[in-house]
Amino acid sequence: GKVLFEAAKKWAKEAGACKLYISAHSAVESQAFYKAMGCREAQEYCQ
C-alpha cells in the first residue's frame, strides 16, 4: 500500500496537484494506513 500510495503522489504531483484527496474507508485499520501515509482531514470536503 505504501508503494502504491507513493506512486499515486508522484503521478499527482507531475499532473499539477498540490494534494491528493481521499474519500477513505472509515475502518480503524484503513485510517491507520492513511495516517501513516501523512493524511489528515481534508480542508475542503468534496460534496
All heavy atoms as atom14 arrays in JSON, in Angstrom:
{
  "sequence": "GKVLFEAAKKWAKEAGACKLYISAHSAVESQAFYKAMGCREAQEYCQ",
  "atom14_mask": [
    [1, 1, 1, 1, 0, 0, 0, 0, 0, 0, 0, 0, 0, 0],
    [1, 1, 1, 1, 1, 1, 1, 1, 1, 0, 0, 0, 0, 0],
    [1, 1, 1, 1, 1, 1, 1, 0, 0, 0, 0, 0, 0, 0],
    [1, 1, 1, 1, 1, 1, 1, 1, 0, 0, 0, 0, 0, 0],
    [1, 1, 1, 1, 1, 1, 1, 1, 1, 1, 1, 0, 0, 0],
    [1, 1, 1, 1, 1, 1, 1, 1, 1, 0, 0, 0, 0, 0],
    [1, 1, 1, 1, 1, 0, 0, 0, 0, 0, 0, 0, 0, 0],
    [1, 1, 1, 1, 1, 0, 0, 0, 0, 0, 0, 0, 0, 0],
    [1, 1, 1, 1, 1, 1, 1, 1, 1, 0, 0, 0, 0, 0],
    [1, 1, 1, 1, 1, 1, 1, 1, 1, 0, 0, 0, 0, 0],
    [1, 1, 1, 1, 1, 1, 1, 1, 1, 1, 1, 1, 1, 1],
    [1, 1, 1, 1, 1, 0, 0, 0, 0, 0, 0, 0, 0, 0],
    [1, 1, 1, 1, 1, 1, 1, 1, 1, 0, 0, 0, 0, 0],
    [1, 1, 1, 1, 1, 1, 1, 1, 1, 0, 0, 0, 0, 0],
    [1, 1, 1, 1, 1, 0, 0, 0, 0, 0, 0, 0, 0, 0],
    [1, 1, 1, 1, 0, 0, 0, 0, 0, 0, 0, 0, 0, 0],
    [1, 1, 1, 1, 1, 0, 0, 0, 0, 0, 0, 0, 0, 0],
    [1, 1, 1, 1, 1, 1, 0, 0, 0, 0, 0, 0, 0, 0],
    [1, 1, 1, 1, 1, 1, 1, 1, 1, 0, 0, 0, 0, 0],
    [1, 1, 1, 1, 1, 1, 1, 1, 0, 0, 0, 0, 0, 0],
    [1, 1, 1, 1, 1, 1, 1, 1, 1, 1, 1, 1, 0, 0],
    [1, 1, 1, 1, 1, 1, 1, 1, 0, 0, 0, 0, 0, 0],
    [1, 1, 1, 1, 1, 1, 0, 0, 0, 0, 0, 0, 0, 0],
    [1, 1, 1, 1, 1, 0, 0, 0, 0, 0, 0, 0, 0, 0],
    [1, 1, 1, 1, 1, 1, 1, 1, 1, 1, 0, 0, 0, 0],
    [1, 1, 1, 1, 1, 1, 0, 0, 0, 0, 0, 0, 0, 0],
    [1, 1, 1, 1, 1, 0, 0, 0, 0, 0, 0, 0, 0, 0],
    [1, 1, 1, 1, 1, 1, 1, 0, 0, 0, 0, 0, 0, 0],
    [1, 1, 1, 1, 1, 1, 1, 1, 1, 0, 0, 0, 0, 0],
    [1, 1, 1, 1, 1, 1, 0, 0, 0, 0, 0, 0, 0, 0],
    [1, 1, 1, 1, 1, 1, 1, 1, 1, 0, 0, 0, 0, 0],
    [1, 1, 1, 1, 1, 0, 0, 0, 0, 0, 0, 0, 0, 0],
    [1, 1, 1, 1, 1, 1, 1, 1, 1, 1, 1, 0, 0, 0],
    [1, 1, 1, 1, 1, 1, 1, 1, 1, 1, 1, 1, 0, 0],
    [1, 1, 1, 1, 1, 1, 1, 1, 1, 0, 0, 0, 0, 0],
    [1, 1, 1, 1, 1, 0, 0, 0, 0, 0, 0, 0, 0, 0],
    [1, 1, 1, 1, 1, 1, 1, 1, 0, 0, 0, 0, 0, 0],
    [1, 1, 1, 1, 0, 0, 0, 0, 0, 0, 0, 0, 0, 0],
    [1, 1, 1, 1, 1, 1, 0, 0, 0, 0, 0, 0, 0, 0],
    [1, 1, 1, 1, 1, 1, 1, 1, 1, 1, 1, 0, 0, 0],
    [1, 1, 1, 1, 1, 1, 1, 1, 1, 0, 0, 0, 0, 0],
    [1, 1, 1, 1, 1, 0, 0, 0, 0, 0, 0, 0, 0, 0],
    [1, 1, 1, 1, 1, 1, 1, 1, 1, 0, 0, 0, 0, 0],
    [1, 1, 1, 1, 1, 1, 1, 1, 1, 0, 0, 0, 0, 0],
    [1, 1, 1, 1, 1, 1, 1, 1, 1, 1, 1, 1, 0, 0],
    [1, 1, 1, 1, 1, 1, 0, 0, 0, 0, 0, 0, 0, 0],
    [1, 1, 1, 1, 1, 1, 1, 1, 1, 0, 0, 0, 0, 0]
  ],
  "atom14_positions": [
    [[0.82, -1.21, 0.0], [0.0, 0.0, 0.0], [0.85, 1.26, 0.0], [0.54, 2.23, -0.69], [0.0, 0.0, 0.0], [0.0, 0.0, 0.0], [0.0, 0.0, 0.0], [0.0, 0.0, 0.0], [0.0, 0.0, 0.0], [0.0, 0.0, 0.0], [0.0, 0.0, 0.0], [0.0, 0.0, 0.0], [0.0, 0.0, 0.0], [0.0, 0.0, 0.0]],
    [[1.93, 1.24, 0.74], [2.82, 2.41, 0.8], [3.44, 2.68, -0.58], [3.49, 3.82, -1.03], [3.92, 2.2, 1.83], [4.87, 3.37, 1.93], [5.92, 3.18, 2.99], [6.79, 4.43, 3.05], [7.8, 4.36, 4.08], [0.0, 0.0, 0.0], [0.0, 0.0, 0.0], [0.0, 0.0, 0.0], [0.0, 0.0, 0.0], [0.0, 0.0, 0.0]],
    [[3.91, 1.64, -1.25], [4.5, 1.81, -2.58], [3.45, 2.36, -3.55], [3.73, 3.3, -4.32], [5.1, 0.48, -3.1], [5.55, 0.61, -4.55], [6.27, 0.04, -2.22], [0.0, 0.0, 0.0], [0.0, 0.0, 0.0], [0.0, 0.0, 0.0], [0.0, 0.0, 0.0], [0.0, 0.0, 0.0], [0.0, 0.0, 0.0], [0.0, 0.0, 0.0]],
    [[2.25, 1.82, -3.5], [1.17, 2.3, -4.38], [0.82, 3.75, -4.08], [0.65, 4.56, -4.99], [-0.07, 1.41, -4.23], [0.09, -0.04, -4.7], [-1.13, -0.84, -4.3], [0.34, -0.12, -6.19], [0.0, 0.0, 0.0], [0.0, 0.0, 0.0], [0.0, 0.0, 0.0], [0.0, 0.0, 0.0], [0.0, 0.0, 0.0], [0.0, 0.0, 0.0]],
    [[0.73, 4.09, -2.79], [0.38, 5.45, -2.4], [1.45, 6.44, -2.86], [1.14, 7.51, -3.38], [0.19, 5.52, -0.88], [-0.51, 6.76, -0.41], [-1.9, 6.81, -0.37], [0.2, 7.87, 0.0], [-2.56, 7.95, 0.06], [-0.44, 9.02, 0.44], [-1.83, 9.05, 0.47], [0.0, 0.0, 0.0], [0.0, 0.0, 0.0], [0.0, 0.0, 0.0]],
    [[2.71, 6.07, -2.7], [3.81, 6.94, -3.14], [3.79, 7.13, -4.65], [4.07, 8.23, -5.15], [5.15, 6.4, -2.67], [5.35, 6.48, -1.16], [5.32, 7.9, -0.61], [5.81, 8.83, -1.29], [4.79, 8.09, 0.5], [0.0, 0.0, 0.0], [0.0, 0.0, 0.0], [0.0, 0.0, 0.0], [0.0, 0.0, 0.0], [0.0, 0.0, 0.0]],
    [[3.46, 6.08, -5.4], [3.37, 6.2, -6.86], [2.24, 7.15, -7.23], [2.38, 7.96, -8.16], [3.14, 4.82, -7.49], [0.0, 0.0, 0.0], [0.0, 0.0, 0.0], [0.0, 0.0, 0.0], [0.0, 0.0, 0.0], [0.0, 0.0, 0.0], [0.0, 0.0, 0.0], [0.0, 0.0, 0.0], [0.0, 0.0, 0.0], [0.0, 0.0, 0.0]],
    [[1.12, 7.07, -6.52], [-0.01, 7.98, -6.77], [0.39, 9.42, -6.48], [0.06, 10.33, -7.26], [-1.21, 7.57, -5.92], [0.0, 0.0, 0.0], [0.0, 0.0, 0.0], [0.0, 0.0, 0.0], [0.0, 0.0, 0.0], [0.0, 0.0, 0.0], [0.0, 0.0, 0.0], [0.0, 0.0, 0.0], [0.0, 0.0, 0.0], [0.0, 0.0, 0.0]],
    [[1.09, 9.65, -5.39], [1.55, 11.01, -5.06], [2.47, 11.55, -6.14], [2.34, 12.7, -6.55], [2.26, 11.01, -3.7], [1.33, 10.92, -2.52], [2.05, 10.76, -1.2], [3.07, 11.82, -0.9], [3.67, 11.66, 0.45], [0.0, 0.0, 0.0], [0.0, 0.0, 0.0], [0.0, 0.0, 0.0], [0.0, 0.0, 0.0], [0.0, 0.0, 0.0]],
    [[3.4, 10.74, -6.59], [4.35, 11.17, -7.62], [3.61, 11.54, -8.9], [3.86, 12.6, -9.49], [5.36, 10.04, -7.89], [6.42, 10.38, -8.92], [7.41, 9.21, -9.07], [8.55, 9.54, -9.98], [8.22, 9.46, -11.39], [0.0, 0.0, 0.0], [0.0, 0.0, 0.0], [0.0, 0.0, 0.0], [0.0, 0.0, 0.0], [0.0, 0.0, 0.0]],
    [[2.68, 10.69, -9.32], [1.93, 10.98, -10.54], [1.1, 12.26, -10.38], [1.07, 13.11, -11.28], [1.02, 9.8, -10.91], [0.34, 10.0, -12.22], [0.83, 9.67, -13.45], [-0.92, 10.64, -12.44], [-0.07, 10.05, -14.42], [-1.16, 10.64, -13.83], [-1.88, 11.2, -11.6], [-2.31, 11.18, -14.4], [-3.04, 11.74, -12.16], [-3.23, 11.73, -13.55]],
    [[0.43, 12.4, -9.23], [-0.41, 13.58, -8.99], [0.42, 14.86, -9.0], [-0.01, 15.88, -9.55], [-1.16, 13.42, -7.67], [0.0, 0.0, 0.0], [0.0, 0.0, 0.0], [0.0, 0.0, 0.0], [0.0, 0.0, 0.0], [0.0, 0.0, 0.0], [0.0, 0.0, 0.0], [0.0, 0.0, 0.0], [0.0, 0.0, 0.0], [0.0, 0.0, 0.0]],
    [[1.59, 14.82, -8.42], [2.46, 16.0, -8.41], [2.85, 16.37, -9.84], [2.8, 17.54, -10.22], [3.7, 15.75, -7.56], [4.6, 16.95, -7.42], [5.74, 16.7, -6.46], [6.52, 17.99, -6.23], [7.53, 17.82, -5.19], [0.0, 0.0, 0.0], [0.0, 0.0, 0.0], [0.0, 0.0, 0.0], [0.0, 0.0, 0.0], [0.0, 0.0, 0.0]],
    [[3.22, 15.38, -10.63], [3.58, 15.63, -12.02], [2.39, 16.16, -12.82], [2.57, 16.88, -13.81], [4.13, 14.35, -12.66], [5.49, 13.95, -12.11], [5.93, 12.57, -12.55], [5.19, 11.87, -13.28], [7.03, 12.17, -12.13], [0.0, 0.0, 0.0], [0.0, 0.0, 0.0], [0.0, 0.0, 0.0], [0.0, 0.0, 0.0], [0.0, 0.0, 0.0]],
    [[1.17, 15.83, -12.39], [-0.05, 16.29, -13.06], [-0.51, 17.67, -12.56], [-1.55, 18.16, -12.99], [-1.16, 15.26, -12.87], [0.0, 0.0, 0.0], [0.0, 0.0, 0.0], [0.0, 0.0, 0.0], [0.0, 0.0, 0.0], [0.0, 0.0, 0.0], [0.0, 0.0, 0.0], [0.0, 0.0, 0.0], [0.0, 0.0, 0.0], [0.0, 0.0, 0.0]],
    [[0.26, 18.27, -11.64], [-0.03, 19.63, -11.2], [-0.78, 19.77, -9.9], [-1.16, 20.88, -9.51], [0.0, 0.0, 0.0], [0.0, 0.0, 0.0], [0.0, 0.0, 0.0], [0.0, 0.0, 0.0], [0.0, 0.0, 0.0], [0.0, 0.0, 0.0], [0.0, 0.0, 0.0], [0.0, 0.0, 0.0], [0.0, 0.0, 0.0], [0.0, 0.0, 0.0]],
    [[-1.01, 18.68, -9.19], [-1.74, 18.75, -7.92], [-0.8, 19.17, -6.78], [0.4, 18.95, -6.83], [-2.36, 17.4, -7.59], [0.0, 0.0, 0.0], [0.0, 0.0, 0.0], [0.0, 0.0, 0.0], [0.0, 0.0, 0.0], [0.0, 0.0, 0.0], [0.0, 0.0, 0.0], [0.0, 0.0, 0.0], [0.0, 0.0, 0.0], [0.0, 0.0, 0.0]],
    [[-1.41, 19.76, -5.77], [-0.69, 20.05, -4.52], [-1.02, 19.02, -3.45], [-0.24, 18.82, -2.52], [-1.07, 21.43, -4.0], [-0.55, 22.78, -5.08], [0.0, 0.0, 0.0], [0.0, 0.0, 0.0], [0.0, 0.0, 0.0], [0.0, 0.0, 0.0], [0.0, 0.0, 0.0], [0.0, 0.0, 0.0], [0.0, 0.0, 0.0], [0.0, 0.0, 0.0]],
    [[-2.2, 18.39, -3.6], [-2.66, 17.42, -2.6], [-3.46, 16.31, -3.27], [-4.11, 16.54, -4.29], [-3.57, 18.1, -1.57], [-2.9, 19.18, -0.76], [-3.88, 19.83, 0.2], [-3.21, 20.94, 1.0], [-4.13, 21.54, 1.96], [0.0, 0.0, 0.0], [0.0, 0.0, 0.0], [0.0, 0.0, 0.0], [0.0, 0.0, 0.0], [0.0, 0.0, 0.0]],
    [[-3.41, 15.14, -2.67], [-4.33, 14.08, -3.01], [-5.56, 14.21, -2.12], [-5.43, 14.54, -0.93], [-3.71, 12.7, -2.77], [-2.75, 12.17, -3.8], [-2.15, 10.85, -3.33], [-3.42, 12.0, -5.16], [0.0, 0.0, 0.0], [0.0, 0.0, 0.0], [0.0, 0.0, 0.0], [0.0, 0.0, 0.0], [0.0, 0.0, 0.0], [0.0, 0.0, 0.0]],
    [[-6.73, 13.95, -2.67], [-7.97, 13.91, -1.92], [-8.4, 12.45, -1.85], [-8.39, 11.75, -2.86], [-9.05, 14.74, -2.62], [-10.32, 14.86, -1.8], [-10.53, 15.97, -1.0], [-11.3, 13.88, -1.84], [-11.68, 16.09, -0.24], [-12.45, 13.99, -1.08], [-12.65, 15.1, -0.29], [-13.79, 15.22, 0.47], [0.0, 0.0, 0.0], [0.0, 0.0, 0.0]],
    [[-8.77, 12.01, -0.65], [-9.16, 10.62, -0.45], [-10.46, 10.56, 0.33], [-10.54, 11.04, 1.46], [-8.08, 9.81, 0.31], [-6.71, 9.97, -0.33], [-8.47, 8.35, 0.41], [-5.77, 10.85, 0.44], [0.0, 0.0, 0.0], [0.0, 0.0, 0.0], [0.0, 0.0, 0.0], [0.0, 0.0, 0.0], [0.0, 0.0, 0.0], [0.0, 0.0, 0.0]],
    [[-11.49, 9.97, -0.28], [-12.71, 9.63, 0.45], [-12.46, 8.21, 0.96], [-12.6, 7.24, 0.22], [-13.93, 9.69, -0.47], [-15.11, 9.4, 0.25], [0.0, 0.0, 0.0], [0.0, 0.0, 0.0], [0.0, 0.0, 0.0], [0.0, 0.0, 0.0], [0.0, 0.0, 0.0], [0.0, 0.0, 0.0], [0.0, 0.0, 0.0], [0.0, 0.0, 0.0]],
    [[-12.05, 8.11, 2.21], [-11.44, 6.89, 2.73], [-12.36, 6.08, 3.62], [-13.08, 6.63, 4.46], [-10.18, 7.25, 3.51], [0.0, 0.0, 0.0], [0.0, 0.0, 0.0], [0.0, 0.0, 0.0], [0.0, 0.0, 0.0], [0.0, 0.0, 0.0], [0.0, 0.0, 0.0], [0.0, 0.0, 0.0], [0.0, 0.0, 0.0], [0.0, 0.0, 0.0]],
    [[-12.28, 4.78, 3.46], [-13.0, 3.83, 4.31], [-12.73, 4.21, 5.77], [-11.6, 4.53, 6.14], [-12.47, 2.43, 4.02], [-13.34, 1.32, 4.48], [-13.59, 1.08, 5.81], [-14.01, 0.39, 3.78], [-14.38, 0.02, 5.9], [-14.66, -0.42, 4.68], [0.0, 0.0, 0.0], [0.0, 0.0, 0.0], [0.0, 0.0, 0.0], [0.0, 0.0, 0.0]],
    [[-13.76, 4.17, 6.6], [-13.63, 4.63, 7.99], [-13.13, 3.56, 8.97], [-12.95, 3.85, 10.15], [-14.97, 5.18, 8.48], [-15.96, 4.16, 8.47], [0.0, 0.0, 0.0], [0.0, 0.0, 0.0], [0.0, 0.0, 0.0], [0.0, 0.0, 0.0], [0.0, 0.0, 0.0], [0.0, 0.0, 0.0], [0.0, 0.0, 0.0], [0.0, 0.0, 0.0]],
    [[-12.88, 2.34, 8.49], [-12.37, 1.28, 9.38], [-11.09, 1.75, 10.06], [-10.26, 2.42, 9.46], [-12.1, 0.01, 8.59], [0.0, 0.0, 0.0], [0.0, 0.0, 0.0], [0.0, 0.0, 0.0], [0.0, 0.0, 0.0], [0.0, 0.0, 0.0], [0.0, 0.0, 0.0], [0.0, 0.0, 0.0], [0.0, 0.0, 0.0], [0.0, 0.0, 0.0]],
    [[-10.94, 1.39, 11.31], [-9.77, 1.8, 12.1], [-8.47, 1.42, 11.39], [-7.54, 2.23, 11.32], [-9.85, 1.19, 13.52], [-8.54, 1.34, 14.27], [-10.99, 1.83, 14.3], [0.0, 0.0, 0.0], [0.0, 0.0, 0.0], [0.0, 0.0, 0.0], [0.0, 0.0, 0.0], [0.0, 0.0, 0.0], [0.0, 0.0, 0.0], [0.0, 0.0, 0.0]],
    [[-8.4, 0.22, 10.82], [-7.18, -0.23, 10.14], [-6.9, 0.62, 8.89], [-5.75, 0.97, 8.63], [-7.3, -1.7, 9.73], [-7.48, -2.66, 10.88], [-8.94, -2.79, 11.36], [-9.86, -2.15, 10.79], [-9.14, -3.53, 12.33], [0.0, 0.0, 0.0], [0.0, 0.0, 0.0], [0.0, 0.0, 0.0], [0.0, 0.0, 0.0], [0.0, 0.0, 0.0]],
    [[-7.94, 0.92, 8.14], [-7.76, 1.75, 6.94], [-7.28, 3.14, 7.32], [-6.36, 3.69, 6.7], [-9.08, 1.84, 6.16], [-9.5, 0.58, 5.72], [0.0, 0.0, 0.0], [0.0, 0.0, 0.0], [0.0, 0.0, 0.0], [0.0, 0.0, 0.0], [0.0, 0.0, 0.0], [0.0, 0.0, 0.0], [0.0, 0.0, 0.0], [0.0, 0.0, 0.0]],
    [[-7.89, 3.71, 8.35], [-7.49, 5.05, 8.78], [-6.07, 5.07, 9.33], [-5.35, 6.05, 9.15], [-8.49, 5.6, 9.81], [-9.83, 5.95, 9.2], [-9.69, 7.01, 8.12], [-9.16, 8.09, 8.36], [-10.17, 6.7, 6.92], [0.0, 0.0, 0.0], [0.0, 0.0, 0.0], [0.0, 0.0, 0.0], [0.0, 0.0, 0.0], [0.0, 0.0, 0.0]],
    [[-5.64, 4.0, 9.98], [-4.25, 3.92, 10.47], [-3.28, 3.96, 9.28], [-2.23, 4.62, 9.36], [-4.05, 2.65, 11.29], [0.0, 0.0, 0.0], [0.0, 0.0, 0.0], [0.0, 0.0, 0.0], [0.0, 0.0, 0.0], [0.0, 0.0, 0.0], [0.0, 0.0, 0.0], [0.0, 0.0, 0.0], [0.0, 0.0, 0.0], [0.0, 0.0, 0.0]],
    [[-3.62, 3.28, 8.2], [-2.78, 3.32, 7.0], [-2.67, 4.75, 6.48], [-1.57, 5.24, 6.24], [-3.35, 2.4, 5.9], [-2.73, 2.65, 4.56], [-1.46, 2.18, 4.26], [-3.41, 3.39, 3.59], [-0.88, 2.43, 3.02], [-2.84, 3.64, 2.35], [-1.57, 3.15, 2.07], [0.0, 0.0, 0.0], [0.0, 0.0, 0.0], [0.0, 0.0, 0.0]],
    [[-3.81, 5.42, 6.32], [-3.78, 6.78, 5.77], [-3.01, 7.74, 6.68], [-2.26, 8.59, 6.2], [-5.19, 7.29, 5.5], [-5.84, 6.6, 4.34], [-6.95, 5.79, 4.52], [-5.33, 6.73, 3.05], [-7.55, 5.14, 3.45], [-5.92, 6.08, 1.98], [-7.03, 5.29, 2.18], [-7.61, 4.65, 1.12], [0.0, 0.0, 0.0], [0.0, 0.0, 0.0]],
    [[-3.16, 7.58, 7.97], [-2.41, 8.44, 8.9], [-0.91, 8.19, 8.74], [-0.11, 9.14, 8.71], [-2.85, 8.18, 10.34], [-2.19, 9.1, 11.34], [-2.71, 8.91, 12.74], [-2.04, 9.89, 13.68], [-2.5, 9.75, 15.05], [0.0, 0.0, 0.0], [0.0, 0.0, 0.0], [0.0, 0.0, 0.0], [0.0, 0.0, 0.0], [0.0, 0.0, 0.0]],
    [[-0.52, 6.93, 8.6], [0.9, 6.6, 8.4], [1.43, 7.19, 7.09], [2.63, 7.47, 6.98], [1.09, 5.09, 8.42], [0.0, 0.0, 0.0], [0.0, 0.0, 0.0], [0.0, 0.0, 0.0], [0.0, 0.0, 0.0], [0.0, 0.0, 0.0], [0.0, 0.0, 0.0], [0.0, 0.0, 0.0], [0.0, 0.0, 0.0], [0.0, 0.0, 0.0]],
    [[0.55, 7.39, 6.12], [0.95, 7.98, 4.84], [0.99, 9.51, 4.89], [1.32, 10.16, 3.91], [0.0, 7.54, 3.72], [0.0, 6.06, 3.41], [1.62, 5.44, 2.86], [2.22, 4.67, 4.36], [0.0, 0.0, 0.0], [0.0, 0.0, 0.0], [0.0, 0.0, 0.0], [0.0, 0.0, 0.0], [0.0, 0.0, 0.0], [0.0, 0.0, 0.0]],
    [[0.62, 10.09, 6.03], [0.67, 11.54, 6.19], [-0.63, 12.25, 5.9], [-0.66, 13.47, 5.75], [0.0, 0.0, 0.0], [0.0, 0.0, 0.0], [0.0, 0.0, 0.0], [0.0, 0.0, 0.0], [0.0, 0.0, 0.0], [0.0, 0.0, 0.0], [0.0, 0.0, 0.0], [0.0, 0.0, 0.0], [0.0, 0.0, 0.0], [0.0, 0.0, 0.0]],
    [[-1.71, 11.5, 5.82], [-3.03, 12.11, 5.53], [-3.62, 12.74, 6.78], [-3.32, 12.34, 7.91], [-3.99, 11.06, 5.01], [-3.48, 10.3, 3.46], [0.0, 0.0, 0.0], [0.0, 0.0, 0.0], [0.0, 0.0, 0.0], [0.0, 0.0, 0.0], [0.0, 0.0, 0.0], [0.0, 0.0, 0.0], [0.0, 0.0, 0.0], [0.0, 0.0, 0.0]],
    [[-4.47, 13.74, 6.53], [-5.22, 14.38, 7.62], [-6.59, 14.75, 7.07], [-6.83, 14.62, 5.86], [-4.48, 15.6, 8.14], [-4.26, 16.68, 7.1], [-3.4, 17.8, 7.66], [-3.22, 18.84, 6.66], [-3.73, 20.05, 6.75], [-4.43, 20.4, 7.8], [-3.53, 20.94, 5.81], [0.0, 0.0, 0.0], [0.0, 0.0, 0.0], [0.0, 0.0, 0.0]],
    [[-7.46, 15.22, 7.92], [-8.79, 15.59, 7.48], [-8.69, 16.67, 6.39], [-7.9, 17.61, 6.5], [-9.64, 16.1, 8.64], [-11.08, 16.34, 8.26], [-11.97, 16.67, 9.45], [-11.49, 16.65, 10.6], [-13.16, 16.93, 9.2], [0.0, 0.0, 0.0], [0.0, 0.0, 0.0], [0.0, 0.0, 0.0], [0.0, 0.0, 0.0], [0.0, 0.0, 0.0]],
    [[-9.5, 16.52, 5.35], [-9.47, 17.47, 4.23], [-9.89, 18.86, 4.68], [-10.81, 19.01, 5.48], [-10.37, 16.99, 3.11], [0.0, 0.0, 0.0], [0.0, 0.0, 0.0], [0.0, 0.0, 0.0], [0.0, 0.0, 0.0], [0.0, 0.0, 0.0], [0.0, 0.0, 0.0], [0.0, 0.0, 0.0], [0.0, 0.0, 0.0], [0.0, 0.0, 0.0]],
    [[-9.21, 19.86, 4.16], [-9.59, 21.25, 4.44], [-10.87, 21.62, 3.72], [-11.64, 22.43, 4.21], [-8.45, 22.19, 4.03], [-7.24, 22.07, 4.92], [-6.12, 23.01, 4.5], [-6.2, 23.71, 3.48], [-5.05, 23.03, 5.28], [0.0, 0.0, 0.0], [0.0, 0.0, 0.0], [0.0, 0.0, 0.0], [0.0, 0.0, 0.0], [0.0, 0.0, 0.0]],
    [[-11.07, 21.04, 2.55], [-12.3, 21.24, 1.77], [-12.9, 19.86, 1.52], [-12.18, 18.98, 1.06], [-12.01, 21.89, 0.43], [-11.46, 23.28, 0.48], [-11.18, 23.82, -0.93], [-12.0, 23.58, -1.84], [-10.14, 24.46, -1.1], [0.0, 0.0, 0.0], [0.0, 0.0, 0.0], [0.0, 0.0, 0.0], [0.0, 0.0, 0.0], [0.0, 0.0, 0.0]],
    [[-14.18, 19.69, 1.79], [-14.83, 18.42, 1.5], [-15.4, 18.44, 0.08], [-15.96, 19.45, -0.36], [-15.99, 18.18, 2.47], [-15.59, 17.55, 3.8], [-14.32, 17.68, 4.33], [-16.53, 16.83, 4.51], [-13.98, 17.1, 5.54], [-16.21, 16.25, 5.73], [-14.94, 16.38, 6.23], [-14.61, 15.79, 7.44], [0.0, 0.0, 0.0], [0.0, 0.0, 0.0]],
    [[-15.27, 17.34, -0.62], [-15.88, 17.16, -1.94], [-17.28, 16.6, -1.7], [-17.43, 15.45, -1.26], [-15.04, 16.21, -2.78], [-15.79, 15.82, -4.37], [0.0, 0.0, 0.0], [0.0, 0.0, 0.0], [0.0, 0.0, 0.0], [0.0, 0.0, 0.0], [0.0, 0.0, 0.0], [0.0, 0.0, 0.0], [0.0, 0.0, 0.0], [0.0, 0.0, 0.0]],
    [[-18.29, 17.4, -1.96], [-19.67, 17.02, -1.65], [-20.1, 15.75, -2.38], [-20.85, 14.94, -1.83], [-20.62, 18.18, -1.99], [-21.96, 18.07, -1.28], [-21.84, 18.0, 0.24], [-21.0, 18.65, 0.86], [-22.68, 17.2, 0.86], [0.0, 0.0, 0.0], [0.0, 0.0, 0.0], [0.0, 0.0, 0.0], [0.0, 0.0, 0.0], [0.0, 0.0, 0.0]]
  ]
}
